[in-house]
C-alpha atoms as a PDB file:
ATOM      1  CA  UNK A   1     -26.559 -11.839  -5.714  1.00  0.00           C
ATOM      2  CA  UNK A   2     -24.255  -9.483  -4.046  1.00  0.00           C
ATOM      3  CA  UNK A   3     -26.268  -8.635  -1.024  1.00  0.00           C
ATOM      4  CA  UNK A   4     -28.247 -11.849  -0.757  1.00  0.00           C
ATOM      5  CA  UNK A   5     -25.364 -14.152  -0.815  1.00  0.00           C
ATOM      6  CA  UNK A   6     -21.728 -13.199  -1.410  1.00  0.00           C
ATOM      7  CA  UNK A   7     -21.699 -10.126   0.944  1.00  0.00           C
ATOM      8  CA  UNK A   8     -23.085 -12.038   3.931  1.00  0.00           C
ATOM      9  CA  UNK A   9     -20.650 -14.952   3.220  1.00  0.00           C
ATOM     10  CA  UNK A  10     -17.583 -12.444   3.036  1.00  0.00           C
ATOM     11  CA  UNK A  11     -18.665 -10.551   6.348  1.00  0.00           C
ATOM     12  CA  UNK A  12     -19.568 -13.770   8.073  1.00  0.00           C
ATOM     13  CA  UNK A  13     -16.414 -15.831   7.076  1.00  0.00           C
ATOM     14  CA  UNK A  14     -13.580 -13.459   6.149  1.00  0.00           C
ATOM     15  CA  UNK A  15     -13.703 -10.029   7.000  1.00  0.00           C
ATOM     16  CA  UNK A  16     -14.597  -9.733  10.799  1.00  0.00           C
ATOM     17  CA  UNK A  17     -11.903 -10.414  13.672  1.00  0.00           C
ATOM     18  CA  UNK A  18     -14.678 -13.023  15.336  1.00  0.00           C
ATOM     19  CA  UNK A  19     -14.105 -15.364  12.149  1.00  0.00           C
ATOM     20  CA  UNK A  20     -10.249 -15.817  13.041  1.00  0.00           C
ATOM     21  CA  UNK A  21     -11.383 -16.686  16.802  1.00  0.00           C
ATOM     22  CA  UNK A  22     -13.728 -19.244  15.366  1.00  0.00           C
ATOM     23  CA  UNK A  23     -10.604 -20.903  13.774  1.00  0.00           C
ATOM     24  CA  UNK A  24     -11.028 -19.548  10.248  1.00  0.00           C
ATOM     25  CA  UNK A  25      -7.386 -18.889   9.418  1.00  0.00           C
ATOM     26  CA  UNK A  26      -4.889 -18.026   6.850  1.00  0.00           C
ATOM     27  CA  UNK A  27      -6.020 -20.504   4.173  1.00  0.00           C
ATOM     28  CA  UNK A  28      -9.499 -19.117   4.328  1.00  0.00           C
ATOM     29  CA  UNK A  29      -8.645 -15.509   4.412  1.00  0.00           C
ATOM     30  CA  UNK A  30      -6.495 -15.753   1.269  1.00  0.00           C
ATOM     31  CA  UNK A  31      -9.142 -17.334  -0.774  1.00  0.00           C
ATOM     32  CA  UNK A  32     -11.756 -14.919   0.570  1.00  0.00           C
ATOM     33  CA  UNK A  33      -9.625 -11.972  -0.414  1.00  0.00           C
ATOM     34  CA  UNK A  34      -9.309 -13.398  -3.805  1.00  0.00           C
ATOM     35  CA  UNK A  35     -13.052 -13.580  -3.957  1.00  0.00           C
ATOM     36  CA  UNK A  36     -13.063 -10.073  -2.411  1.00  0.00           C
ATOM     37  CA  UNK A  37     -10.859  -8.667  -5.249  1.00  0.00           C
ATOM     38  CA  UNK A  38     -12.791 -10.602  -7.959  1.00  0.00           C
ATOM     39  CA  UNK A  39     -16.029  -9.238  -6.787  1.00  0.00           C
ATOM     40  CA  UNK A  40     -14.583  -5.874  -6.678  1.00  0.00           C
ATOM     41  CA  UNK A  41     -13.432  -6.047 -10.330  1.00  0.00           C
ATOM     42  CA  UNK A  42     -17.021  -7.454 -11.234  1.00  0.00           C
ATOM     43  CA  UNK A  43     -18.927  -4.851  -9.628  1.00  0.00           C
ATOM     44  CA  UNK A  44     -16.634  -1.783 -10.194  1.00  0.00           C
ATOM     45  CA  UNK A  45     -17.260  -1.931 -14.001  1.00  0.00           C
ATOM     46  CA  UNK A  46     -20.904  -1.137 -13.358  1.00  0.00           C
ATOM     47  CA  UNK A  47     -19.901   2.085 -11.319  1.00  0.00           C
ATOM     48  CA  UNK A  48     -19.404   5.461 -12.414  1.00  0.00           C
ATOM     49  CA  UNK A  49     -15.947   6.785 -12.564  1.00  0.00           C
ATOM     50  CA  UNK A  50     -14.413   3.348 -11.618  1.00  0.00           C
ATOM     51  CA  UNK A  51     -15.933   3.508  -8.117  1.00  0.00           C
ATOM     52  CA  UNK A  52     -19.286   2.359  -6.421  1.00  0.00           C
ATOM     53  CA  UNK A  53     -20.757   4.284  -3.683  1.00  0.00           C
ATOM     54  CA  UNK A  54     -21.601   0.879  -2.143  1.00  0.00           C
ATOM     55  CA  UNK A  55     -18.038  -0.302  -2.152  1.00  0.00           C
ATOM     56  CA  UNK A  56     -17.415   0.647   1.448  1.00  0.00           C
ATOM     57  CA  UNK A  57     -20.579  -1.470   2.663  1.00  0.00           C
ATOM     58  CA  UNK A  58     -19.183  -4.565   0.741  1.00  0.00           C
ATOM     59  CA  UNK A  59     -15.604  -4.316   1.720  1.00  0.00           C
ATOM     60  CA  UNK A  60     -15.063  -2.175   4.785  1.00  0.00           C
ATOM     61  CA  UNK A  61     -13.986  -3.898   7.973  1.00  0.00           C
ATOM     62  CA  UNK A  62     -16.401  -2.865  10.688  1.00  0.00           C
ATOM     63  CA  UNK A  63     -14.109  -1.081  13.123  1.00  0.00           C
ATOM     64  CA  UNK A  64     -15.291   1.283  15.869  1.00  0.00           C
ATOM     65  CA  UNK A  65     -11.993   3.184  15.642  1.00  0.00           C
ATOM     66  CA  UNK A  66     -12.253   4.066  11.819  1.00  0.00           C
ATOM     67  CA  UNK A  67     -12.734   7.573  10.608  1.00  0.00           C
ATOM     68  CA  UNK A  68     -13.069   8.907   7.114  1.00  0.00           C
ATOM     69  CA  UNK A  69     -11.611  12.364   5.860  1.00  0.00           C
ATOM     70  CA  UNK A  70     -11.219  14.444   2.838  1.00  0.00           C
ATOM     71  CA  UNK A  71      -7.654  15.347   2.095  1.00  0.00           C
ATOM     72  CA  UNK A  72      -7.252  16.208  -1.545  1.00  0.00           C
ATOM     73  CA  UNK A  73      -6.403  19.810  -2.664  1.00  0.00           C
ATOM     74  CA  UNK A  74      -6.229  18.892  -6.110  1.00  0.00           C
ATOM     75  CA  UNK A  75      -9.061  16.260  -6.061  1.00  0.00           C
ATOM     76  CA  UNK A  76     -11.297  17.380  -2.884  1.00  0.00           C
ATOM     77  CA  UNK A  77     -13.498  14.248  -3.266  1.00  0.00           C
ATOM     78  CA  UNK A  78     -10.578  11.977  -2.386  1.00  0.00           C
ATOM     79  CA  UNK A  79     -10.889  10.268   1.127  1.00  0.00           C
ATOM     80  CA  UNK A  80      -8.578   8.493   3.528  1.00  0.00           C
ATOM     81  CA  UNK A  81      -9.221   6.357   6.429  1.00  0.00           C
ATOM     82  CA  UNK A  82      -7.679   6.697   9.841  1.00  0.00           C
ATOM     83  CA  UNK A  83      -7.573   3.613  12.306  1.00  0.00           C
ATOM     84  CA  UNK A  84      -6.923   4.428  15.844  1.00  0.00           C
ATOM     85  CA  UNK A  85      -5.067   1.904  18.011  1.00  0.00           C
ATOM     86  CA  UNK A  86      -7.266   0.247  20.510  1.00  0.00           C
ATOM     87  CA  UNK A  87      -7.938   2.249  23.715  1.00  0.00           C
ATOM     88  CA  UNK A  88      -8.058   5.655  21.746  1.00  0.00           C
ATOM     89  CA  UNK A  89     -11.351   7.791  21.650  1.00  0.00           C
ATOM     90  CA  UNK A  90     -12.653   7.866  18.182  1.00  0.00           C
ATOM     91  CA  UNK A  91     -12.798  11.507  17.986  1.00  0.00           C
ATOM     92  CA  UNK A  92      -9.284  12.061  19.079  1.00  0.00           C
ATOM     93  CA  UNK A  93      -6.556  12.568  16.369  1.00  0.00           C
ATOM     94  CA  UNK A  94      -4.001  10.073  15.521  1.00  0.00           C
ATOM     95  CA  UNK A  95      -0.854  10.149  17.719  1.00  0.00           C
ATOM     96  CA  UNK A  96       2.417   8.600  18.122  1.00  0.00           C
ATOM     97  CA  UNK A  97       3.871   6.497  15.043  1.00  0.00           C
ATOM     98  CA  UNK A  98       1.737   5.880  11.914  1.00  0.00           C
ATOM     99  CA  UNK A  99       1.695   3.298   9.189  1.00  0.00           C
ATOM    100  CA  UNK A 100       0.542   5.153   5.832  1.00  0.00           C
ATOM    101  CA  UNK A 101      -0.359   2.463   3.261  1.00  0.00           C
ATOM    102  CA  UNK A 102      -0.847   2.849  -0.506  1.00  0.00           C
ATOM    103  CA  UNK A 103      -2.656   0.029  -2.113  1.00  0.00           C
ATOM    104  CA  UNK A 104      -1.926  -1.461  -5.551  1.00  0.00           C
ATOM    105  CA  UNK A 105      -4.271  -2.242  -8.588  1.00  0.00           C
ATOM    106  CA  UNK A 106      -2.071  -1.653 -11.750  1.00  0.00           C
ATOM    107  CA  UNK A 107      -2.797   1.962 -11.267  1.00  0.00           C
ATOM    108  CA  UNK A 108      -6.376   1.755 -12.580  1.00  0.00           C
ATOM    109  CA  UNK A 109      -8.330  -0.102  -9.773  1.00  0.00           C
ATOM    110  CA  UNK A 110      -8.652  -0.473  -6.027  1.00  0.00           C
ATOM    111  CA  UNK A 111     -10.274   1.224  -3.059  1.00  0.00           C
ATOM    112  CA  UNK A 112      -9.175   1.989   0.408  1.00  0.00           C
ATOM    113  CA  UNK A 113     -11.937  -0.049   1.833  1.00  0.00           C
ATOM    114  CA  UNK A 114     -10.612  -3.318   0.595  1.00  0.00           C
ATOM    115  CA  UNK A 115      -7.371  -2.896   2.776  1.00  0.00           C
ATOM    116  CA  UNK A 116      -8.992  -1.901   6.043  1.00  0.00           C
ATOM    117  CA  UNK A 117      -7.563  -5.135   7.461  1.00  0.00           C
ATOM    118  CA  UNK A 118      -4.019  -3.577   7.178  1.00  0.00           C
ATOM    119  CA  UNK A 119      -5.361  -1.955  10.463  1.00  0.00           C
ATOM    120  CA  UNK A 120      -4.585  -5.503  12.138  1.00  0.00           C
ATOM    121  CA  UNK A 121      -0.792  -5.035  11.264  1.00  0.00           C
ATOM    122  CA  UNK A 122      -0.856  -1.592  12.932  1.00  0.00           C
ATOM    123  CA  UNK A 123      -2.478  -2.897  16.022  1.00  0.00           C
ATOM    124  CA  UNK A 124       0.067  -5.602  16.300  1.00  0.00           C
ATOM    125  CA  UNK A 125       3.003  -3.306  16.413  1.00  0.00           C
ATOM    126  CA  UNK A 126       1.424  -0.296  18.220  1.00  0.00           C
ATOM    127  CA  UNK A 127       0.982   2.068  15.098  1.00  0.00           C
ATOM    128  CA  UNK A 128      -2.171   3.810  13.967  1.00  0.00           C
ATOM    129  CA  UNK A 129      -2.822   3.347  10.260  1.00  0.00           C
ATOM    130  CA  UNK A 130      -3.888   5.508   7.323  1.00  0.00           C
ATOM    131  CA  UNK A 131      -5.127   3.878   4.069  1.00  0.00           C
ATOM    132  CA  UNK A 132      -5.970   6.335   1.191  1.00  0.00           C
ATOM    133  CA  UNK A 133      -7.685   6.407  -2.047  1.00  0.00           C
ATOM    134  CA  UNK A 134      -5.973   8.102  -5.117  1.00  0.00           C
ATOM    135  CA  UNK A 135      -7.354   9.088  -8.565  1.00  0.00           C
ATOM    136  CA  UNK A 136      -7.349   6.253 -10.870  1.00  0.00           C
ATOM    137  CA  UNK A 137      -6.444   5.898 -14.390  1.00  0.00           C
ATOM    138  CA  UNK A 138      -8.128   6.877 -16.791  1.00  0.00           C
ATOM    139  CA  UNK A 139      -9.707   9.570 -14.755  1.00  0.00           C
ATOM    140  CA  UNK A 140      -6.127  10.645 -14.078  1.00  0.00           C
ATOM    141  CA  UNK A 141      -4.041  10.706 -17.053  1.00  0.00           C
ATOM    142  CA  UNK A 142      -0.646  11.230 -15.626  1.00  0.00           C
ATOM    143  CA  UNK A 143       1.462   9.507 -13.038  1.00  0.00           C
ATOM    144  CA  UNK A 144       2.420  12.781 -11.531  1.00  0.00           C
ATOM    145  CA  UNK A 145      -1.121  13.348 -10.833  1.00  0.00           C
ATOM    146  CA  UNK A 146      -1.336  10.088  -8.666  1.00  0.00           C
ATOM    147  CA  UNK A 147       1.924  10.913  -7.037  1.00  0.00           C
ATOM    148  CA  UNK A 148       0.486  14.417  -6.085  1.00  0.00           C
ATOM    149  CA  UNK A 149      -2.616  12.655  -4.351  1.00  0.00           C
ATOM    150  CA  UNK A 150      -0.181  10.571  -2.300  1.00  0.00           C
ATOM    151  CA  UNK A 151       2.036  13.412  -1.301  1.00  0.00           C
ATOM    152  CA  UNK A 152      -0.995  15.321  -0.399  1.00  0.00           C
ATOM    153  CA  UNK A 153      -2.291  12.475   1.790  1.00  0.00           C
ATOM    154  CA  UNK A 154       1.015  12.352   3.571  1.00  0.00           C
ATOM    155  CA  UNK A 155       1.053  16.125   4.143  1.00  0.00           C
ATOM    156  CA  UNK A 156      -2.635  16.012   5.349  1.00  0.00           C
ATOM    157  CA  UNK A 157      -1.549  13.489   8.041  1.00  0.00           C
ATOM    158  CA  UNK A 158       1.282  15.441   9.466  1.00  0.00           C
ATOM    159  CA  UNK A 159      -0.616  18.741   9.258  1.00  0.00           C
ATOM    160  CA  UNK A 160      -4.083  17.597  10.732  1.00  0.00           C
ATOM    161  CA  UNK A 161      -2.974  14.878  13.090  1.00  0.00           C
ATOM    162  CA  UNK A 162      -0.622  14.593  16.122  1.00  0.00           C
ATOM    163  CA  UNK A 163       1.771  11.876  14.665  1.00  0.00           C
ATOM    164  CA  UNK A 164       5.287  11.620  15.654  1.00  0.00           C
ATOM    165  CA  UNK A 165       6.775   9.420  12.937  1.00  0.00           C
ATOM    166  CA  UNK A 166       5.560   7.450   9.931  1.00  0.00           C
ATOM    167  CA  UNK A 167       6.227   4.403   8.164  1.00  0.00           C
ATOM    168  CA  UNK A 168       5.165   4.547   4.409  1.00  0.00           C
ATOM    169  CA  UNK A 169       4.079   1.000   2.831  1.00  0.00           C
ATOM    170  CA  UNK A 170       2.752   0.190  -0.406  1.00  0.00           C
ATOM    171  CA  UNK A 171       1.768  -2.908  -2.412  1.00  0.00           C
ATOM    172  CA  UNK A 172       2.445  -3.486  -6.149  1.00  0.00           C
ATOM    173  CA  UNK A 173       1.505  -0.382  -7.898  1.00  0.00           C
ATOM    174  CA  UNK A 174       1.200   1.149  -4.420  1.00  0.00           C
ATOM    175  CA  UNK A 175       4.814   0.477  -3.846  1.00  0.00           C
ATOM    176  CA  UNK A 176       5.757   2.225  -6.910  1.00  0.00           C
ATOM    177  CA  UNK A 177       3.761   5.108  -5.641  1.00  0.00           C
ATOM    178  CA  UNK A 178       5.213   5.094  -2.037  1.00  0.00           C
ATOM    179  CA  UNK A 179       8.831   4.860  -3.210  1.00  0.00           C
ATOM    180  CA  UNK A 180       8.228   7.822  -5.691  1.00  0.00           C
ATOM    181  CA  UNK A 181       6.567   9.656  -2.861  1.00  0.00           C
ATOM    182  CA  UNK A 182       9.723   9.357  -0.617  1.00  0.00           C
ATOM    183  CA  UNK A 183      12.113  10.300  -3.414  1.00  0.00           C
ATOM    184  CA  UNK A 184       9.772  13.290  -4.402  1.00  0.00           C
ATOM    185  CA  UNK A 185      10.272  14.224  -0.555  1.00  0.00           C
ATOM    186  CA  UNK A 186      13.836  14.149  -0.928  1.00  0.00           C
ATOM    187  CA  UNK A 187      13.875  16.156  -4.097  1.00  0.00           C
ATOM    188  CA  UNK A 188      11.644  18.950  -2.670  1.00  0.00           C
ATOM    189  CA  UNK A 189      13.088  18.978   0.671  1.00  0.00           C
ATOM    190  CA  UNK A 190       9.633  18.325   2.398  1.00  0.00           C
ATOM    191  CA  UNK A 191       9.384  19.240   6.140  1.00  0.00           C
ATOM    192  CA  UNK A 192       7.845  15.705   7.002  1.00  0.00           C
ATOM    193  CA  UNK A 193      10.958  13.766   5.443  1.00  0.00           C
ATOM    194  CA  UNK A 194      12.879  13.644   8.769  1.00  0.00           C
ATOM    195  CA  UNK A 195       9.884  12.060  10.445  1.00  0.00           C
ATOM    196  CA  UNK A 196       9.673   9.251   8.011  1.00  0.00           C
ATOM    197  CA  UNK A 197      11.438   6.152   9.772  1.00  0.00           C
ATOM    198  CA  UNK A 198      10.792   3.394   7.507  1.00  0.00           C
ATOM    199  CA  UNK A 199       9.556   2.127   4.115  1.00  0.00           C
ATOM    200  CA  UNK A 200       8.007  -1.219   3.426  1.00  0.00           C
ATOM    201  CA  UNK A 201       7.782  -1.905  -0.182  1.00  0.00           C
ATOM    202  CA  UNK A 202       5.809  -4.851  -1.183  1.00  0.00           C
ATOM    203  CA  UNK A 203       5.877  -6.907  -4.623  1.00  0.00           C
ATOM    204  CA  UNK A 204       6.500  -3.331  -6.428  1.00  0.00           C
ATOM    205  CA  UNK A 205       7.297  -2.247  -9.950  1.00  0.00           C
ATOM    206  CA  UNK A 206      10.390  -0.023  -9.682  1.00  0.00           C
ATOM    207  CA  UNK A 207      11.568  -0.070 -13.440  1.00  0.00           C
ATOM    208  CA  UNK A 208       8.903   0.594 -15.896  1.00  0.00           C
ATOM    209  CA  UNK A 209      10.806  -0.402 -19.034  1.00  0.00           C
ATOM    210  CA  UNK A 210      11.792  -3.768 -17.650  1.00  0.00           C
ATOM    211  CA  UNK A 211       8.304  -4.329 -16.448  1.00  0.00           C
ATOM    212  CA  UNK A 212       6.896  -3.498 -20.036  1.00  0.00           C
ATOM    213  CA  UNK A 213       9.218  -5.941 -21.517  1.00  0.00           C
ATOM    214  CA  UNK A 214       7.835  -8.601 -18.881  1.00  0.00           C
ATOM    215  CA  UNK A 215       4.362  -7.660 -19.729  1.00  0.00           C
ATOM    216  CA  UNK A 216       4.937  -7.925 -23.423  1.00  0.00           C
ATOM    217  CA  UNK A 217       6.529 -11.471 -22.619  1.00  0.00           C
ATOM    218  CA  UNK A 218       3.313 -12.332 -21.147  1.00  0.00           C
ATOM    219  CA  UNK A 219       0.987 -10.817 -23.851  1.00  0.00           C
ATOM    220  CA  UNK A 220      -0.585  -8.393 -21.730  1.00  0.00           C
ATOM    221  CA  UNK A 221       0.986  -5.201 -22.476  1.00  0.00           C
ATOM    222  CA  UNK A 222      -1.912  -4.025 -24.717  1.00  0.00           C
ATOM    223  CA  UNK A 223      -4.572  -4.335 -22.050  1.00  0.00           C
ATOM    224  CA  UNK A 224      -2.212  -2.950 -19.268  1.00  0.00           C
ATOM    225  CA  UNK A 225      -2.256   0.742 -18.832  1.00  0.00           C
ATOM    226  CA  UNK A 226       1.182   0.976 -17.596  1.00  0.00           C
ATOM    227  CA  UNK A 227       3.331   1.551 -20.726  1.00  0.00           C
ATOM    228  CA  UNK A 228       0.787   4.567 -21.643  1.00  0.00           C
ATOM    229  CA  UNK A 229       0.163   5.657 -18.170  1.00  0.00           C
ATOM    230  CA  UNK A 230       3.840   6.083 -16.969  1.00  0.00           C
ATOM    231  CA  UNK A 231       5.368   7.751 -19.984  1.00  0.00           C
ATOM    232  CA  UNK A 232       8.377   8.692 -19.653  1.00  0.00           C
ATOM    233  CA  UNK A 233       9.302   5.420 -18.287  1.00  0.00           C
ATOM    234  CA  UNK A 234      12.720   5.906 -16.993  1.00  0.00           C
ATOM    235  CA  UNK A 235      11.716   9.162 -15.160  1.00  0.00           C
ATOM    236  CA  UNK A 236       8.725   7.417 -13.458  1.00  0.00           C
ATOM    237  CA  UNK A 237      11.030   4.571 -12.317  1.00  0.00           C
ATOM    238  CA  UNK A 238      12.242   4.573  -8.692  1.00  0.00           C
ATOM    239  CA  UNK A 239      15.154   2.421  -9.496  1.00  0.00           C
ATOM    240  CA  UNK A 240      16.619   5.180 -11.757  1.00  0.00           C
ATOM    241  CA  UNK A 241      15.654   8.505 -10.150  1.00  0.00           C
ATOM    242  CA  UNK A 242      18.465   8.580  -7.462  1.00  0.00           C
ATOM    243  CA  UNK A 243      21.082   8.174 -10.251  1.00  0.00           C
ATOM    244  CA  UNK A 244      19.391  10.429 -12.869  1.00  0.00           C
ATOM    245  CA  UNK A 245      18.287  13.118 -10.502  1.00  0.00           C
ATOM    246  CA  UNK A 246      21.526  13.034  -8.402  1.00  0.00           C
ATOM    247  CA  UNK A 247      19.698  12.196  -5.119  1.00  0.00           C
ATOM    248  CA  UNK A 248      21.695  10.863  -2.247  1.00  0.00           C
ATOM    249  CA  UNK A 249      20.068   8.421  -0.074  1.00  0.00           C
ATOM    250  CA  UNK A 250      22.892   7.884   2.524  1.00  0.00           C
ATOM    251  CA  UNK A 251      20.427   9.341   5.241  1.00  0.00           C
ATOM    252  CA  UNK A 252      17.349   7.300   3.853  1.00  0.00           C
ATOM    253  CA  UNK A 253      15.389   5.538   6.663  1.00  0.00           C
ATOM    254  CA  UNK A 254      15.310   1.688   7.205  1.00  0.00           C
ATOM    255  CA  UNK A 255      13.589   0.086   3.879  1.00  0.00           C
ATOM    256  CA  UNK A 256      12.606  -3.348   3.373  1.00  0.00           C
ATOM    257  CA  UNK A 257      11.734  -4.637  -0.199  1.00  0.00           C
ATOM    258  CA  UNK A 258       9.706  -7.692  -0.028  1.00  0.00           C
ATOM    259  CA  UNK A 259       8.796 -10.081  -2.861  1.00  0.00           C
ATOM    260  CA  UNK A 260       7.084 -13.391  -3.063  1.00  0.00           C
ATOM    261  CA  UNK A 261       9.098 -16.311  -4.314  1.00  0.00           C
ATOM    262  CA  UNK A 262       6.060 -17.486  -6.728  1.00  0.00           C
ATOM    263  CA  UNK A 263       5.080 -14.013  -8.075  1.00  0.00           C
ATOM    264  CA  UNK A 264       4.100 -14.489 -11.723  1.00  0.00           C
ATOM    265  CA  UNK A 265       2.730 -10.719 -12.023  1.00  0.00           C
ATOM    266  CA  UNK A 266       5.743  -8.799 -11.034  1.00  0.00           C
ATOM    267  CA  UNK A 267       9.321 -10.601 -11.262  1.00  0.00           C
ATOM    268  CA  UNK A 268      11.366 -10.371  -8.155  1.00  0.00           C
ATOM    269  CA  UNK A 269      14.194  -8.902 -10.276  1.00  0.00           C
ATOM    270  CA  UNK A 270      12.192  -5.525  -9.965  1.00  0.00           C
ATOM    271  CA  UNK A 271      12.995  -5.655  -6.295  1.00  0.00           C
ATOM    272  CA  UNK A 272      16.658  -7.040  -6.402  1.00  0.00           C
ATOM    273  CA  UNK A 273      17.249  -4.144  -9.051  1.00  0.00           C
ATOM    274  CA  UNK A 274      15.700  -1.446  -6.741  1.00  0.00           C
ATOM    275  CA  UNK A 275      18.057  -2.594  -3.758  1.00  0.00           C
ATOM    276  CA  UNK A 276      21.119  -2.597  -5.884  1.00  0.00           C
ATOM    277  CA  UNK A 277      20.403   0.896  -7.366  1.00  0.00           C
ATOM    278  CA  UNK A 278      19.520   2.635  -4.091  1.00  0.00           C
ATOM    279  CA  UNK A 279      22.541   0.933  -2.326  1.00  0.00           C
ATOM    280  CA  UNK A 280      24.593   2.520  -5.241  1.00  0.00           C
ATOM    281  CA  UNK A 281      22.918   5.988  -4.341  1.00  0.00           C
ATOM    282  CA  UNK A 282      24.411   5.497  -0.827  1.00  0.00           C
ATOM    283  CA  UNK A 283      21.300   3.891   1.108  1.00  0.00           C
ATOM    284  CA  UNK A 284      23.002   2.070   3.938  1.00  0.00           C
ATOM    285  CA  UNK A 285      20.035   0.547   5.449  1.00  0.00           C
ATOM    286  CA  UNK A 286      18.034  -1.267   2.761  1.00  0.00           C
ATOM    287  CA  UNK A 287      17.236  -5.128   2.885  1.00  0.00           C
ATOM    288  CA  UNK A 288      15.604  -7.488   0.382  1.00  0.00           C
ATOM    289  CA  UNK A 289      13.209 -10.046   2.093  1.00  0.00           C
ATOM    290  CA  UNK A 290      11.648 -13.096   0.301  1.00  0.00           C
ATOM    291  CA  UNK A 291       8.802 -14.900   1.448  1.00  0.00           C
ATOM    292  CA  UNK A 292       6.748 -17.933   0.160  1.00  0.00           C
ATOM    293  CA  UNK A 293       3.826 -17.083  -2.051  1.00  0.00           C
ATOM    294  CA  UNK A 294       2.487 -15.246  -5.070  1.00  0.00           C
ATOM    295  CA  UNK A 295       2.088 -11.615  -5.982  1.00  0.00           C
ATOM    296  CA  UNK A 296      -0.531 -10.887  -3.415  1.00  0.00           C
ATOM    297  CA  UNK A 297       0.764 -12.812  -0.420  1.00  0.00           C
ATOM    298  CA  UNK A 298       2.980  -9.960   0.639  1.00  0.00           C
ATOM    299  CA  UNK A 299      -0.157  -7.982   1.169  1.00  0.00           C
ATOM    300  CA  UNK A 300      -2.276 -10.469   2.702  1.00  0.00           C
ATOM    301  CA  UNK A 301       0.354 -11.072   5.454  1.00  0.00           C
ATOM    302  CA  UNK A 302      -0.619  -7.648   6.575  1.00  0.00           C
ATOM    303  CA  UNK A 303      -4.202  -8.437   6.901  1.00  0.00           C
ATOM    304  CA  UNK A 304      -3.878 -11.337   9.052  1.00  0.00           C
ATOM    305  CA  UNK A 305      -4.201 -11.093  12.895  1.00  0.00           C
ATOM    306  CA  UNK A 306      -0.705 -12.262  13.207  1.00  0.00           C
ATOM    307  CA  UNK A 307       1.752 -14.232  11.100  1.00  0.00           C
ATOM    308  CA  UNK A 308       5.426 -15.283  10.740  1.00  0.00           C
ATOM    309  CA  UNK A 309       5.879 -12.931   7.881  1.00  0.00           C
ATOM    310  CA  UNK A 310       4.443  -9.945   9.873  1.00  0.00           C
ATOM    311  CA  UNK A 311       7.244 -10.708  12.478  1.00  0.00           C
ATOM    312  CA  UNK A 312       9.843 -10.910   9.517  1.00  0.00           C
ATOM    313  CA  UNK A 313       8.779  -7.697   8.181  1.00  0.00           C
ATOM    314  CA  UNK A 314       9.108  -5.992  11.395  1.00  0.00           C
ATOM    315  CA  UNK A 315      12.343  -7.544  12.589  1.00  0.00           C
ATOM    316  CA  UNK A 316      13.919  -6.587   9.313  1.00  0.00           C
ATOM    317  CA  UNK A 317      12.715  -3.125   9.675  1.00  0.00           C
ATOM    318  CA  UNK A 318      14.208  -2.810  13.311  1.00  0.00           C
ATOM    319  CA  UNK A 319      11.611  -0.099  14.235  1.00  0.00           C
ATOM    320  CA  UNK A 320      10.797   0.720  17.748  1.00  0.00           C
ATOM    321  CA  UNK A 321       7.188  -0.583  18.798  1.00  0.00           C
ATOM    322  CA  UNK A 322       4.855   1.423  20.801  1.00  0.00           C
ATOM    323  CA  UNK A 323       3.135  -1.628  22.056  1.00  0.00           C
ATOM    324  CA  UNK A 324       3.142  -4.759  20.347  1.00  0.00           C
ATOM    325  CA  UNK A 325       1.201  -8.068  20.216  1.00  0.00           C
ATOM    326  CA  UNK A 326       3.634  -9.976  18.028  1.00  0.00           C
END
């Protein structure tokens, strides 16, 4: 079924750039992304260790400027994908500004290949793009382990590529990890910190205790790994870390916290509270941005060739563009 019907359908109608040129627009891509995610959840249960070897064949954007790299010191099998801007030689290192993207999936699912089209946003604003995998629960038993995977990915990019600056972005659980990674860099005095020029946080979870209460109200707390995986809750909450750890954010980079107005998975109060908390810690350039749509709309917008929301993201970030199609 996968190879005979669904994969040709997806590849022909949703995941190649020519489909957009044939008039297949935002409506179709949104629904095909839902199909993509649903199909992934179906087939991943049959794979060992929560991943399938064939996943990249199903979900990966055919892209002549993509390269995969092993980056993990703690987990050497982990890979990240780099996407060059058009016009660069495939063998060349990334250069100039880079968008570093951390996907979501409730800390226990996902694959970098599902988010290859984030490279479209990078192309639009003149950034190279990096999308990484990290060890998923239950194969990773601690939130600290996932955070170390993300930090190792950031460090690998600066050590092995010729990037000048980095914008760190994440969606849902990925926004939680992306914000924790920046705070960890502050806490450790990481050498790469000064080259992080922006944070783009989409539909994230930033206060674990509050979100557990939300999950309990929906009756899903028992099947969610969050309550078990993210203990201790307060210590793993980006909302509370600046206050509890005495971190000043007065020199933090431009940060945009985005939420959909119809999000039933993560309430927008998570984003409101993060903005208020980080402002109280001295962050002078953090903004909240609301767009229309559900929990996944904020990341779908990054996977379109162009959109009004992309323009809103970029205008709010106010970062210089190398070359732009927006």
